[in-house]
Amino acid sequence: MDPEKPENISPNHDDIRSHLITSSLSPHHQYNDKSNTLSVSMRSKGGIKSNVSDESYENSYRYLKSGQLTARPKKERWSSRAEYILSLVGYAVGFGNVWRFSYYVQLNGGGAFLIPYFLMLFILGVPAFYLEVHIGKISQVGPLNAMHRLVPPFCGVGLAAIVTMIYITFNYSLLIAYVLFYLFSSFQNPPAWSSLAYCGNISRINDSLLRQACNKSAPTLFYYSSVAGVTSTIEDTTGFSWKLMLCIIGAWLLIFLCTFKGIKSFGKIAYVTTIFPYIVLTVLLIRGATFEGAGEGLKALFYPNLKLLLNFKVWLQAGSQIFFSLSLGTGGNIVLASHLDQKTNVFPSVIFVSLVNSGTSIFSGIVVFMILGHNAHLRGESVQDIVAGPGLVFIAVASALLDTPPAPLWSVLFFLMMLSLGLSSQFPSIQSLTEAARSLPYMSKVHETIISFIICSIFTVCSVIFVLGNGQYIFGLIDEFAASYSLFVVIFFEFIGVAWFFGVNKILWYQTGEIIVTAATSRLARIRSNKWFKGFTLYFWSISWIIVAPLVMIVIFSGSLIYQLTGRPKYTAFQNYTQVQVHYPIWSLAVIVFIILSTIIPVPLGMLYEYKELWHMIKNSLFSVRRRIMRISYKLGLTQTQDYAVDDTMDHIVHYSANEDSVSLVKNKEH
């Protein structure tokens, strides 16, 4: 066997060649007679040679003389395609589809918000979703290592996604605890948040403000006083809600029991947690159609106030909602796709999940606005005046359930649905954090169940901050700022790193086996069938990933930053039994800056760490652009010359011919 002729070493050499494309590495072969193996060491495009073993680095492989490839143990796979799709739907569809979507519609002109929402879905949401699924499928690792494996200088993107996921997972556990609190409070007649159960005989209440609040909305008092146990300001930490602490412990116990076996456990549970909410929403839709005032609610949902389309804030929040609803930029989509086979066609799944996710938002919005219309009818108010935010579920919807006999039954069904939505959104997050922990030194041999238990225990202990008097305000601060900028940054650099440097063609057709790797470069083979369709697909996604989506991201990020800097941020406080808007204190502004920086700074730090690789990637990209310009010039008759250039990442001179699709190699001489 001649090590200088890698194409003759094995009948299966194409397998390793196609794998090299995912790591942007080039092969150097050395045959070892003693071990009867052929070692394939790698040299990156930056010219840095890697001689590490297959045990210590995933991109190093050994090829047995018999032709059998040996590598690290196989990635755990989904039992069926249905489990993957249901888990993806469960991760995407969550609390945000119920209260955040309805809140943005209520805030931004009703049906007018739907116009930028669906435009952002197809311009930004679907391309970013499709790209993230491809990143996970091709890299076969979790979000922490996926970008490092494909594009090393962008390794910080994965860490930024993990940090963002930690904030979101930490925050959403409180919502699950609230749901458990309401679920337990539903097993009485009337439910605990009703005026009769909570306030009792209102005429005997001596405090005039409290009596007035009970007359106006007992569910509001129940939410702020009994469930959240809030104080008057974010600076007041007085109080400790042991009931809420028990609910938080219960929430993390449920999450652990559903995830301790990885995808084998929550893949099966996804059949229940993903399907059950649609059954409950359908029942509530039928019941809501009988409510007085439901028509006014639907009018508020679909009737557009087109003047608001001129407000840039509406477009910003539409883009933000797409990120949240598809769970982009947090790594969950990557970790779910990493358990797929690399040759899986993911496009149908991406389109299906995107449509189901947005359809669920509309579906739940119809149910919620029917309930809001009913509440507005009973109070004699406008739908726009009904409470929003998380209170949309725990105050407005809970209040409407009291008027739906039998109230305990409907309350139990509704909050079971909310529990299913919350749990299904947490499963991929815990799996991502578990896989990230196992990739750390000395952690690879620790059992997955133990790591999952440690992660859930740490979150449980840290959640003590939520049961203090200002816990609700801390939740609001994290919810508003933890993912506000980091999602834009993570997704933007996913577009730049993968589409600009890794290559759109490698992403799209890796699974078809049409990739050719030579000793100097990799190119997409000439497509022999269905040329027009595949050519159109390549150009469409190239334009979308390389140009359109990044430009839209820049506009949204810049507008969001300008909007945030125009005024001091506020939060909703509960003072004198009334909700009021209060400015954040100075110390909390420092906390906000820390949260934002902690989710963004890993990206530039990763680039600094791999600065040599980044520099070579930029040079190679510029060289590729120059070569394409030369080819276009030749075809237009502007030049008759051929473009020669030395690719300093290899020991060859690469001869690019403007009138040929092939690449010929000339052995490098002293130069």
Foldseek 3Di string as FASTA:
>chain_A
DDQVDQVPQAPQSLVLQLLCLQQQWFWHWDQDPVVQKIWTWTAHLLQRTDPDDLVQDVSTWIAHSHGDTDHPDDFAAFPDPVLLLLLLLLQLFAPCLFFVLLQLCLVQFAQLLVVLLVVLCVQAQLLLLLLLLLLLLSQLAFLQCSLCRRFVLQSLLSVLLLLLLVLVLLLLLLVLLLLVVQLVQLPDVNGCQQLCNPVNPLVPDPDPLVSVLSVQFSLLCCCQCVAQNADFDLVDQAAFHVSSLVSSVVSLVVLLVQDLVHSVRVSVVSVCLRPLLVVLLVVLLVVLVPFPQLVLLVCSNNVGPNVSVVPVVSSLSSNVSSCNSSVFSNRLSSNSSSSDHSLDDCSVSSVVSSVVSVVSSVSSSSSLSSLLRNVCVVNVHHSSPDDGDPCSVSGSVLVSLSVPPVSSVSSNSVSVSNSSSSSSNNNSSLSSVLSVQCPDPPNVPPRSSVSSVVVSVVSSVVLSCSRTNSNVVVSVLSVVQLCSQLSLQSSLVSLCSCPQQSHLVSSPCSSVSQWDGDSPGIDGHDDPPPNVVVVVVSVVSSCSSVPSNNVVSVVSNVVVVVVPVVDADWDWGQDSNDTDIDGDDPVVVVVSVVSNCSSNVSRVVSSVVVVSSVVSSVVVSVVVVVQVVVLVCVVVVVDDDFDWDQSVSDQWTWGGGSPDPDIDTDGHDDD
